[in-house]
Structure formats: C-alpha cells, structure tokens
Amino acid sequence: MLTVRLDPELETRIRKTAERKGETVSDFVRKAVQDRCDQMASQSLAVLLEDYVGSSESGRMDSANTGKAFKRVLAERNRKADSKRP
C-alpha cells in the first residue's frame, strides 16, 4: 500500500474527475500512475536527459540546445549501428 499527500486543490480535482468518469478515486489514481509510468518507460534515455546533458560541465544554462544536439548524435549513432547489422 502507498500513501500520498496531496494538496487540497489537487485532491478535489481528482475526486471530481473520477466522479465524472464513473470511477473510484483509487481506480482513477491507479490508472493515472500506470499511464505516467508507461509514458516514462517508453521515452528514450536521450529524451529523458536532453535538458540536463552538458549543463553542469559547461556551467552555462543553455542545456536545452545541448540536449537536442546530444539527441541528434545518439540518433545518428543508432542509425549507423543499425545499418551495420545484417
């Protein structure tokens, strides 16, 4: 069992939305957590790290651009590796 503390505003939103959907609050929250876990699991490491890669080493805060460049480099490496496979 898991206990989560929510601010009253979010708790009210959850309760109202679950009610509109005809679900219990527990079922609604369970499905929302499952969806979020599935979403995070399906994202590549490059996407998950793109806002962070390069920002600490350079000391600059333009990590979004660095992350995008990192994603491009990884994609190119993957394409090259895939093209070498039989």
Protein backbone atom coordinates (compact mmCIF):
# COMPACT_ATOMS: atom_id res chain seq x y z
CA MET A 1 0.00 0.00 0.00
CA LEU A 2 1.15 3.52 -0.79
CA THR A 3 0.13 6.73 0.92
CA VAL A 4 0.48 10.02 -0.94
CA ARG A 5 -0.11 13.51 0.41
CA LEU A 6 -1.91 15.84 -1.96
CA ASP A 7 -2.75 19.47 -1.65
CA PRO A 8 -6.50 20.03 -1.18
CA GLU A 9 -6.91 21.60 -4.62
CA LEU A 10 -5.45 18.58 -6.44
CA GLU A 11 -7.41 16.17 -4.28
CA THR A 12 -10.63 17.98 -5.23
CA ARG A 13 -9.72 17.85 -8.94
CA ILE A 14 -9.02 14.13 -8.71
CA ARG A 15 -12.24 13.41 -6.86
CA LYS A 16 -14.37 15.42 -9.33
CA THR A 17 -12.68 13.94 -12.40
CA ALA A 18 -13.01 10.38 -11.09
CA GLU A 19 -16.67 11.01 -10.36
CA ARG A 20 -17.28 12.35 -13.89
CA LYS A 21 -15.62 9.28 -15.35
CA GLY A 22 -17.65 6.96 -13.09
CA GLU A 23 -14.53 5.60 -11.40
CA THR A 24 -13.46 5.34 -7.80
CA VAL A 25 -10.71 7.70 -6.73
CA SER A 26 -8.43 4.70 -6.18
CA ASP A 27 -9.02 3.35 -9.69
CA PHE A 28 -8.56 6.79 -11.23
CA VAL A 29 -5.27 7.41 -9.40
CA ARG A 30 -4.04 3.87 -10.12
CA LYS A 31 -4.66 4.31 -13.85
CA ALA A 32 -3.04 7.75 -13.85
CA VAL A 33 0.09 6.39 -12.17
CA GLN A 34 0.22 3.44 -14.58
CA ASP A 35 -0.12 5.79 -17.56
CA ARG A 36 2.67 8.02 -16.25
CA CYS A 37 4.97 5.04 -15.64
CA ASP A 38 4.25 3.69 -19.13
CA GLN A 39 4.93 7.12 -20.63
CA MET A 40 8.26 7.46 -18.83
CA ALA A 41 9.30 3.89 -19.65
CA SER A 42 8.64 4.40 -23.35
CA GLN A 43 10.84 7.51 -23.62
CA SER A 44 14.44 7.06 -24.68
CA LEU A 45 17.29 7.97 -22.38
CA ALA A 46 18.24 10.79 -24.75
CA VAL A 47 14.81 12.38 -24.36
CA LEU A 48 14.85 11.98 -20.58
CA LEU A 49 18.30 13.59 -20.30
CA GLU A 50 18.15 16.23 -23.05
CA ASP A 51 17.54 19.11 -20.64
CA TYR A 52 20.48 18.10 -18.43
CA VAL A 53 23.27 16.87 -20.68
CA GLY A 54 26.05 19.42 -20.91
CA SER A 55 24.71 21.97 -18.44
CA SER A 56 26.87 21.09 -15.43
CA GLU A 57 30.14 20.67 -17.33
CA SER A 58 29.93 23.95 -19.19
CA GLY A 59 28.47 25.94 -16.34
CA ARG A 60 26.11 27.53 -18.87
CA MET A 61 22.36 27.23 -18.71
CA ASP A 62 21.68 26.54 -22.40
CA SER A 63 21.20 22.84 -21.75
CA ALA A 64 18.08 22.59 -23.93
CA ASN A 65 20.20 23.17 -27.04
CA THR A 66 22.96 20.87 -25.80
CA GLY A 67 20.40 18.17 -25.07
CA LYS A 68 18.96 18.44 -28.57
CA ALA A 69 22.45 18.10 -30.05
CA PHE A 70 23.08 15.06 -27.84
CA LYS A 71 19.83 13.51 -29.04
CA ARG A 72 20.88 14.04 -32.68
CA VAL A 73 24.29 12.44 -32.05
CA LEU A 74 22.70 9.42 -30.38
CA ALA A 75 20.18 9.02 -33.18
CA GLU A 76 22.96 9.13 -35.77
CA ARG A 77 24.99 6.54 -33.87
CA ASN A 78 21.95 4.28 -33.65
CA ARG A 79 21.30 4.64 -37.39
CA LYS A 80 24.92 3.74 -38.18
CA ALA A 81 24.83 0.76 -35.83
CA ASP A 82 21.54 -0.43 -37.34
CA SER A 83 22.90 -0.14 -40.88
CA LYS A 84 25.83 -2.41 -39.99
CA ARG A 85 23.58 -5.19 -38.69
CA PRO A 86 22.75 -7.99 -41.11
